[in-house]
Structure formats: C-alpha cells, structure tokens
Amino acid sequence: MSFCVYDKGYYEEGKLGPQISSVIVFGHVKFVEDKEERISIVRSIGMKYEPADYVEKITSNLSISCMIRYVAFLLQSDS
C-alpha cells in the first residue's frame, strides 16, 4: 500500500512551477477490528494536534466503523 499527501504549494519568483512539500507512505495494511482500539488510535492522533480536553469531547461519542492500521516508512520531499 502507498499513498501521497502534499500541500497546496506556492510559486516562487524565478522558479519553474509550484514549490510543494509532500510525503509518500509505503507499508502493509491491516483492519483494526476492535472498537476501543480504533477510538484510542484516533485520540492519539488528535492529541498530537489539539488540546486534550477538545479531543476527549470530540471522541467521547465517536463511532468509527472502519479503520486501517499501517506499518510504514515515510519519504518526505520539499521541492
């Protein structure tokens, strides 16, 4: 499995084309069957970017029907 995420980019005077940052993720995919484990994963990701009280509020009534766990390595590019 692989996927790529990139930003909007910007144009810099004197350079050809937009300047973008991107990440490519490669790995193996596995469905996370356990509901509590899915919610725990979402909380962990949320805590990285948002205050704990906000994450707890948002995830307290969360219903996640499907989640994929991946073992991956990242390739990051700033062009």
PDB file of N, CA and C in Angstrom:
ATOM      1  N   MET A   1       0.834  -1.148   0.000  1.00  0.00           N
ATOM      2  CA  MET A   1       0.000   0.000   0.000  1.00  0.00           C
ATOM      3  C   MET A   1       0.893   1.228   0.000  1.00  0.00           C
ATOM      4  N   SER A   2       0.475   2.242  -0.692  1.00  0.00           N
ATOM      5  CA  SER A   2       1.165   3.526  -0.616  1.00  0.00           C
ATOM      6  C   SER A   2       0.166   4.641  -0.885  1.00  0.00           C
ATOM      7  N   PHE A   3       0.442   5.797  -0.326  1.00  0.00           N
ATOM      8  CA  PHE A   3      -0.328   6.988  -0.666  1.00  0.00           C
ATOM      9  C   PHE A   3       0.550   8.210  -0.486  1.00  0.00           C
ATOM     10  N   CYS A   4       0.147   9.281  -1.137  1.00  0.00           N
ATOM     11  CA  CYS A   4       0.926  10.512  -1.126  1.00  0.00           C
ATOM     12  C   CYS A   4       0.040  11.659  -0.659  1.00  0.00           C
ATOM     13  N   VAL A   5       0.595  12.507   0.177  1.00  0.00           N
ATOM     14  CA  VAL A   5      -0.101  13.706   0.639  1.00  0.00           C
ATOM     15  C   VAL A   5       0.804  14.888   0.339  1.00  0.00           C
ATOM     16  N   TYR A   6       0.223  15.944  -0.188  1.00  0.00           N
ATOM     17  CA  TYR A   6       1.030  17.128  -0.484  1.00  0.00           C
ATOM     18  C   TYR A   6       0.234  18.388  -0.196  1.00  0.00           C
ATOM     19  N   ASP A   7       0.966  19.481   0.008  1.00  0.00           N
ATOM     20  CA  ASP A   7       0.304  20.749   0.304  1.00  0.00           C
ATOM     21  C   ASP A   7      -0.060  21.483  -0.983  1.00  0.00           C
ATOM     22  N   LYS A   8      -0.679  22.648  -0.829  1.00  0.00           N
ATOM     23  CA  LYS A   8      -1.111  23.452  -1.970  1.00  0.00           C
ATOM     24  C   LYS A   8       0.055  23.965  -2.795  1.00  0.00           C
ATOM     25  N   GLY A   9       1.155  24.175  -2.138  1.00  0.00           N
ATOM     26  CA  GLY A   9       2.309  24.726  -2.841  1.00  0.00           C
ATOM     27  C   GLY A   9       2.215  26.237  -2.989  1.00  0.00           C
ATOM     28  N   TYR A  10       3.273  26.787  -3.500  1.00  0.00           N
ATOM     29  CA  TYR A  10       3.315  28.234  -3.732  1.00  0.00           C
ATOM     30  C   TYR A  10       4.263  28.488  -4.899  1.00  0.00           C
ATOM     31  N   TYR A  11       4.128  29.624  -5.493  1.00  0.00           N
ATOM     32  CA  TYR A  11       5.002  29.995  -6.607  1.00  0.00           C
ATOM     33  C   TYR A  11       6.079  30.940  -6.118  1.00  0.00           C
ATOM     34  N   GLU A  12       7.297  30.651  -6.481  1.00  0.00           N
ATOM     35  CA  GLU A  12       8.435  31.467  -6.098  1.00  0.00           C
ATOM     36  C   GLU A  12       9.023  32.095  -7.355  1.00  0.00           C
ATOM     37  N   GLU A  13       9.230  33.399  -7.296  1.00  0.00           N
ATOM     38  CA  GLU A  13       9.761  34.122  -8.452  1.00  0.00           C
ATOM     39  C   GLU A  13      11.102  33.511  -8.890  1.00  0.00           C
ATOM     40  N   GLY A  14      11.224  33.300 -10.186  1.00  0.00           N
ATOM     41  CA  GLY A  14      12.456  32.771 -10.741  1.00  0.00           C
ATOM     42  C   GLY A  14      12.526  31.250 -10.776  1.00  0.00           C
ATOM     43  N   LYS A  15      11.513  30.565 -10.213  1.00  0.00           N
ATOM     44  CA  LYS A  15      11.489  29.100 -10.230  1.00  0.00           C
ATOM     45  C   LYS A  15      10.373  28.625 -11.140  1.00  0.00           C
ATOM     46  N   LEU A  16      10.611  27.493 -11.778  1.00  0.00           N
ATOM     47  CA  LEU A  16       9.628  26.919 -12.687  1.00  0.00           C
ATOM     48  C   LEU A  16       8.649  26.043 -11.913  1.00  0.00           C
ATOM     49  N   GLY A  17       7.373  26.319 -12.047  1.00  0.00           N
ATOM     50  CA  GLY A  17       6.349  25.509 -11.392  1.00  0.00           C
ATOM     51  C   GLY A  17       6.211  25.808  -9.912  1.00  0.00           C
ATOM     52  N   PRO A  18       5.202  25.215  -9.284  1.00  0.00           N
ATOM     53  CA  PRO A  18       4.966  25.460  -7.861  1.00  0.00           C
ATOM     54  C   PRO A  18       5.981  24.727  -6.987  1.00  0.00           C
ATOM     55  N   GLN A  19       6.241  25.296  -5.821  1.00  0.00           N
ATOM     56  CA  GLN A  19       7.084  24.663  -4.810  1.00  0.00           C
ATOM     57  C   GLN A  19       6.144  23.933  -3.850  1.00  0.00           C
ATOM     58  N   ILE A  20       6.307  22.632  -3.689  1.00  0.00           N
ATOM     59  CA  ILE A  20       5.411  21.857  -2.831  1.00  0.00           C
ATOM     60  C   ILE A  20       6.211  21.018  -1.836  1.00  0.00           C
ATOM     61  N   SER A  21       5.538  20.631  -0.771  1.00  0.00           N
ATOM     62  CA  SER A  21       6.068  19.661   0.187  1.00  0.00           C
ATOM     63  C   SER A  21       5.160  18.444   0.112  1.00  0.00           C
ATOM     64  N   SER A  22       5.753  17.267   0.146  1.00  0.00           N
ATOM     65  CA  SER A  22       4.945  16.054   0.056  1.00  0.00           C
ATOM     66  C   SER A  22       5.531  14.948   0.909  1.00  0.00           C
ATOM     67  N   VAL A  23       4.680  13.981   1.217  1.00  0.00           N
ATOM     68  CA  VAL A  23       5.082  12.787   1.953  1.00  0.00           C
ATOM     69  C   VAL A  23       4.467  11.596   1.238  1.00  0.00           C
ATOM     70  N   ILE A  24       5.270  10.563   1.025  1.00  0.00           N
ATOM     71  CA  ILE A  24       4.775   9.304   0.465  1.00  0.00           C
ATOM     72  C   ILE A  24       4.909   8.246   1.553  1.00  0.00           C
ATOM     73  N   VAL A  25       3.833   7.517   1.803  1.00  0.00           N
ATOM     74  CA  VAL A  25       3.831   6.480   2.823  1.00  0.00           C
ATOM     75  C   VAL A  25       3.695   5.129   2.133  1.00  0.00           C
ATOM     76  N   PHE A  26       4.590   4.204   2.471  1.00  0.00           N
ATOM     77  CA  PHE A  26       4.530   2.833   1.970  1.00  0.00           C
ATOM     78  C   PHE A  26       4.369   1.916   3.171  1.00  0.00           C
ATOM     79  N   GLY A  27       3.627   0.845   3.034  1.00  0.00           N
ATOM     80  CA  GLY A  27       3.517  -0.074   4.160  1.00  0.00           C
ATOM     81  C   GLY A  27       2.550  -1.204   3.918  1.00  0.00           C
ATOM     82  N   HIS A  28       2.246  -1.916   5.002  1.00  0.00           N
ATOM     83  CA  HIS A  28       1.311  -3.034   4.984  1.00  0.00           C
ATOM     84  C   HIS A  28       0.045  -2.608   5.708  1.00  0.00           C
ATOM     85  N   VAL A  29      -1.100  -3.014   5.200  1.00  0.00           N
ATOM     86  CA  VAL A  29      -2.389  -2.588   5.725  1.00  0.00           C
ATOM     87  C   VAL A  29      -3.041  -3.714   6.513  1.00  0.00           C
ATOM     88  N   LYS A  30      -3.704  -3.352   7.612  1.00  0.00           N
ATOM     89  CA  LYS A  30      -4.463  -4.304   8.413  1.00  0.00           C
ATOM     90  C   LYS A  30      -5.671  -3.575   8.985  1.00  0.00           C
ATOM     91  N   PHE A  31      -6.851  -4.167   8.908  1.00  0.00           N
ATOM     92  CA  PHE A  31      -8.040  -3.558   9.504  1.00  0.00           C
ATOM     93  C   PHE A  31      -7.959  -3.677  11.017  1.00  0.00           C
ATOM     94  N   VAL A  32      -8.356  -2.618  11.713  1.00  0.00           N
ATOM     95  CA  VAL A  32      -8.425  -2.634  13.167  1.00  0.00           C
ATOM     96  C   VAL A  32      -9.854  -3.019  13.528  1.00  0.00           C
ATOM     97  N   GLU A  33     -10.022  -4.212  14.061  1.00  0.00           N
ATOM     98  CA  GLU A  33     -11.351  -4.759  14.344  1.00  0.00           C
ATOM     99  C   GLU A  33     -11.959  -4.222  15.645  1.00  0.00           C
ATOM    100  N   ASP A  34     -11.139  -4.030  16.673  1.00  0.00           N
ATOM    101  CA  ASP A  34     -11.625  -3.659  17.988  1.00  0.00           C
ATOM    102  C   ASP A  34     -12.034  -2.185  18.056  1.00  0.00           C
ATOM    103  N   LYS A  35     -13.283  -1.932  18.461  1.00  0.00           N
ATOM    104  CA  LYS A  35     -13.817  -0.562  18.516  1.00  0.00           C
ATOM    105  C   LYS A  35     -13.000   0.327  19.456  1.00  0.00           C
ATOM    106  N   GLU A  36     -12.677  -0.161  20.648  1.00  0.00           N
ATOM    107  CA  GLU A  36     -11.909   0.638  21.613  1.00  0.00           C
ATOM    108  C   GLU A  36     -10.521   0.969  21.080  1.00  0.00           C
ATOM    109  N   GLU A  37      -9.917   0.050  20.362  1.00  0.00           N
ATOM    110  CA  GLU A  37      -8.598   0.311  19.773  1.00  0.00           C
ATOM    111  C   GLU A  37      -8.685   1.392  18.702  1.00  0.00           C
ATOM    112  N   ARG A  38      -9.758   1.369  17.896  1.00  0.00           N
ATOM    113  CA  ARG A  38      -9.948   2.403  16.859  1.00  0.00           C
ATOM    114  C   ARG A  38     -10.061   3.782  17.500  1.00  0.00           C
ATOM    115  N   ILE A  39     -10.866   3.882  18.550  1.00  0.00           N
ATOM    116  CA  ILE A  39     -11.046   5.167  19.225  1.00  0.00           C
ATOM    117  C   ILE A  39      -9.734   5.616  19.864  1.00  0.00           C
ATOM    118  N   SER A  40      -8.995   4.687  20.447  1.00  0.00           N
ATOM    119  CA  SER A  40      -7.701   5.008  21.050  1.00  0.00           C
ATOM    120  C   SER A  40      -6.726   5.568  20.011  1.00  0.00           C
ATOM    121  N   ILE A  41      -6.725   4.990  18.823  1.00  0.00           N
ATOM    122  CA  ILE A  41      -5.848   5.468  17.749  1.00  0.00           C
ATOM    123  C   ILE A  41      -6.226   6.888  17.340  1.00  0.00           C
ATOM    124  N   VAL A  42      -7.520   7.143  17.182  1.00  0.00           N
ATOM    125  CA  VAL A  42      -7.979   8.480  16.800  1.00  0.00           C
ATOM    126  C   VAL A  42      -7.612   9.497  17.881  1.00  0.00           C
ATOM    127  N   ARG A  43      -7.780   9.110  19.147  1.00  0.00           N
ATOM    128  CA  ARG A  43      -7.408  10.012  20.246  1.00  0.00           C
ATOM    129  C   ARG A  43      -5.917  10.319  20.222  1.00  0.00           C
ATOM    130  N   SER A  44      -5.106   9.316  19.987  1.00  0.00           N
ATOM    131  CA  SER A  44      -3.650   9.516  19.950  1.00  0.00           C
ATOM    132  C   SER A  44      -3.252  10.501  18.861  1.00  0.00           C
ATOM    133  N   ILE A  45      -3.861  10.352  17.700  1.00  0.00           N
ATOM    134  CA  ILE A  45      -3.573  11.275  16.600  1.00  0.00           C
ATOM    135  C   ILE A  45      -4.061  12.679  16.958  1.00  0.00           C
ATOM    136  N   GLY A  46      -5.262  12.773  17.507  1.00  0.00           N
ATOM    137  CA  GLY A  46      -5.826  14.064  17.884  1.00  0.00           C
ATOM    138  C   GLY A  46      -4.993  14.792  18.917  1.00  0.00           C
ATOM    139  N   MET A  47      -4.471  14.058  19.903  1.00  0.00           N
ATOM    140  CA  MET A  47      -3.666  14.664  20.960  1.00  0.00           C
ATOM    141  C   MET A  47      -2.386  15.299  20.421  1.00  0.00           C
ATOM    142  N   LYS A  48      -1.954  14.830  19.284  1.00  0.00           N
ATOM    143  CA  LYS A  48      -0.747  15.393  18.680  1.00  0.00           C
ATOM    144  C   LYS A  48      -0.996  16.813  18.167  1.00  0.00           C
ATOM    145  N   TYR A  49      -2.250  17.107  17.796  1.00  0.00           N
ATOM    146  CA  TYR A  49      -2.545  18.384  17.132  1.00  0.00           C
ATOM    147  C   TYR A  49      -3.512  19.296  17.876  1.00  0.00           C
ATOM    148  N   GLU A  50      -4.233  18.767  18.854  1.00  0.00           N
ATOM    149  CA  GLU A  50      -5.264  19.552  19.547  1.00  0.00           C
ATOM    150  C   GLU A  50      -5.132  19.394  21.059  1.00  0.00           C
ATOM    151  N   PRO A  51      -5.710  20.323  21.834  1.00  0.00           N
ATOM    152  CA  PRO A  51      -5.702  20.201  23.291  1.00  0.00           C
ATOM    153  C   PRO A  51      -6.474  18.951  23.744  1.00  0.00           C
ATOM    154  N   ALA A  52      -6.019  18.355  24.845  1.00  0.00           N
ATOM    155  CA  ALA A  52      -6.594  17.096  25.336  1.00  0.00           C
ATOM    156  C   ALA A  52      -8.096  17.200  25.607  1.00  0.00           C
ATOM    157  N   ASP A  53      -8.561  18.293  26.229  1.00  0.00           N
ATOM    158  CA  ASP A  53      -9.989  18.403  26.544  1.00  0.00           C
ATOM    159  C   ASP A  53     -10.843  18.439  25.280  1.00  0.00           C
ATOM    160  N   TYR A  54     -10.352  19.069  24.230  1.00  0.00           N
ATOM    161  CA  TYR A  54     -11.075  19.113  22.956  1.00  0.00           C
ATOM    162  C   TYR A  54     -11.146  17.713  22.339  1.00  0.00           C
ATOM    163  N   VAL A  55     -10.046  16.999  22.347  1.00  0.00           N
ATOM    164  CA  VAL A  55     -10.010  15.650  21.776  1.00  0.00           C
ATOM    165  C   VAL A  55     -10.956  14.726  22.535  1.00  0.00           C
ATOM    166  N   GLU A  56     -10.943  14.797  23.851  1.00  0.00           N
ATOM    167  CA  GLU A  56     -11.840  13.956  24.656  1.00  0.00           C
ATOM    168  C   GLU A  56     -13.303  14.268  24.352  1.00  0.00           C
ATOM    169  N   LYS A  57     -13.622  15.550  24.213  1.00  0.00           N
ATOM    170  CA  LYS A  57     -15.006  15.952  23.912  1.00  0.00           C
ATOM    171  C   LYS A  57     -15.445  15.400  22.554  1.00  0.00           C
ATOM    172  N   ILE A  58     -14.594  15.544  21.562  1.00  0.00           N
ATOM    173  CA  ILE A  58     -14.931  15.109  20.208  1.00  0.00           C
ATOM    174  C   ILE A  58     -15.031  13.588  20.104  1.00  0.00           C
ATOM    175  N   THR A  59     -14.139  12.879  20.791  1.00  0.00           N
ATOM    176  CA  THR A  59     -14.100  11.420  20.643  1.00  0.00           C
ATOM    177  C   THR A  59     -15.016  10.686  21.620  1.00  0.00           C
ATOM    178  N   SER A  60     -15.656  11.397  22.558  1.00  0.00           N
ATOM    179  CA  SER A  60     -16.492  10.720  23.552  1.00  0.00           C
ATOM    180  C   SER A  60     -17.709  10.041  22.934  1.00  0.00           C
ATOM    181  N   ASN A  61     -18.246  10.565  21.861  1.00  0.00           N
ATOM    182  CA  ASN A  61     -19.404   9.959  21.197  1.00  0.00           C
ATOM    183  C   ASN A  61     -19.062   9.488  19.788  1.00  0.00           C
ATOM    184  N   LEU A  62     -17.823   9.164  19.587  1.00  0.00           N
ATOM    185  CA  LEU A  62     -17.338   8.808  18.255  1.00  0.00           C
ATOM    186  C   LEU A  62     -17.754   7.395  17.873  1.00  0.00           C
ATOM    187  N   SER A  63     -18.171   7.235  16.630  1.00  0.00           N
ATOM    188  CA  SER A  63     -18.496   5.914  16.096  1.00  0.00           C
ATOM    189  C   SER A  63     -17.664   5.714  14.838  1.00  0.00           C
ATOM    190  N   ILE A  64     -16.716   4.802  14.913  1.00  0.00           N
ATOM    191  CA  ILE A  64     -15.829   4.532  13.781  1.00  0.00           C
ATOM    192  C   ILE A  64     -16.111   3.120  13.307  1.00  0.00           C
ATOM    193  N   SER A  65     -16.609   2.994  12.099  1.00  0.00           N
ATOM    194  CA  SER A  65     -16.978   1.669  11.606  1.00  0.00           C
ATOM    195  C   SER A  65     -15.803   0.932  10.984  1.00  0.00           C
ATOM    196  N   CYS A  66     -14.795   1.669  10.534  1.00  0.00           N
ATOM    197  CA  CYS A  66     -13.682   1.023   9.852  1.00  0.00           C
ATOM    198  C   CYS A  66     -12.421   1.848  10.052  1.00  0.00           C
ATOM    199  N   MET A  67     -11.313   1.171  10.282  1.00  0.00           N
ATOM    200  CA  MET A  67     -10.036   1.857  10.376  1.00  0.00           C
ATOM    201  C   MET A  67      -8.965   0.911   9.869  1.00  0.00           C
ATOM    202  N   ILE A  68      -7.991   1.484   9.242  1.00  0.00           N
ATOM    203  CA  ILE A  68      -6.880   0.698   8.719  1.00  0.00           C
ATOM    204  C   ILE A  68      -5.621   1.102   9.469  1.00  0.00           C
ATOM    205  N   ARG A  69      -4.904   0.105   9.953  1.00  0.00           N
ATOM    206  CA  ARG A  69      -3.604   0.352  10.582  1.00  0.00           C
ATOM    207  C   ARG A  69      -2.540   0.026   9.546  1.00  0.00           C
ATOM    208  N   TYR A  70      -1.476   0.796   9.533  1.00  0.00           N
ATOM    209  CA  TYR A  70      -0.420   0.510   8.576  1.00  0.00           C
ATOM    210  C   TYR A  70       0.944   0.561   9.249  1.00  0.00           C
ATOM    211  N   VAL A  71       1.805  -0.274   8.772  1.00  0.00           N
ATOM    212  CA  VAL A  71       3.204  -0.253   9.175  1.00  0.00           C
ATOM    213  C   VAL A  71       3.915   0.384   8.006  1.00  0.00           C
ATOM    214  N   ALA A  72       4.571   1.497   8.241  1.00  0.00           N
ATOM    215  CA  ALA A  72       5.023   2.270   7.091  1.00  0.00           C
ATOM    216  C   ALA A  72       6.346   2.964   7.335  1.00  0.00           C
ATOM    217  N   PHE A  73       6.921   3.384   6.248  1.00  0.00           N
ATOM    218  CA  PHE A  73       8.025   4.320   6.325  1.00  0.00           C
ATOM    219  C   PHE A  73       7.678   5.496   5.424  1.00  0.00           C
ATOM    220  N   LEU A  74       8.227   6.650   5.728  1.00  0.00           N
ATOM    221  CA  LEU A  74       7.864   7.882   5.038  1.00  0.00           C
ATOM    222  C   LEU A  74       9.019   8.371   4.178  1.00  0.00           C
ATOM    223  N   LEU A  75       8.666   8.905   3.033  1.00  0.00           N
ATOM    224  CA  LEU A  75       9.606   9.623   2.201  1.00  0.00           C
ATOM    225  C   LEU A  75       9.096  11.052   2.124  1.00  0.00           C
ATOM    226  N   GLN A  76       9.871  11.995   2.586  1.00  0.00           N
ATOM    227  CA  GLN A  76       9.437  13.394   2.578  1.00  0.00           C
ATOM    228  C   GLN A  76      10.220  14.159   1.539  1.00  0.00           C
ATOM    229  N   SER A  77       9.507  15.014   0.827  1.00  0.00           N
ATOM    230  CA  SER A  77      10.125  15.790  -0.230  1.00  0.00           C
ATOM    231  C   SER A  77       9.732  17.254  -0.096  1.00  0.00           C
ATOM    232  N   ASP A  78      10.695  18.122  -0.146  1.00  0.00           N
ATOM    233  CA  ASP A  78      10.453  19.567  -0.224  1.00  0.00           C
ATOM    234  C   ASP A  78      11.080  20.022  -1.536  1.00  0.00           C
ATOM    235  N   SER A  79      10.226  20.309  -2.525  1.00  0.00           N
ATOM    236  CA  SER A  79      10.775  20.700  -3.828  1.00  0.00           C
ATOM    237  C   SER A  79      10.548  22.160  -4.111  1.00  0.00           C
TER     238      SER A  79
END
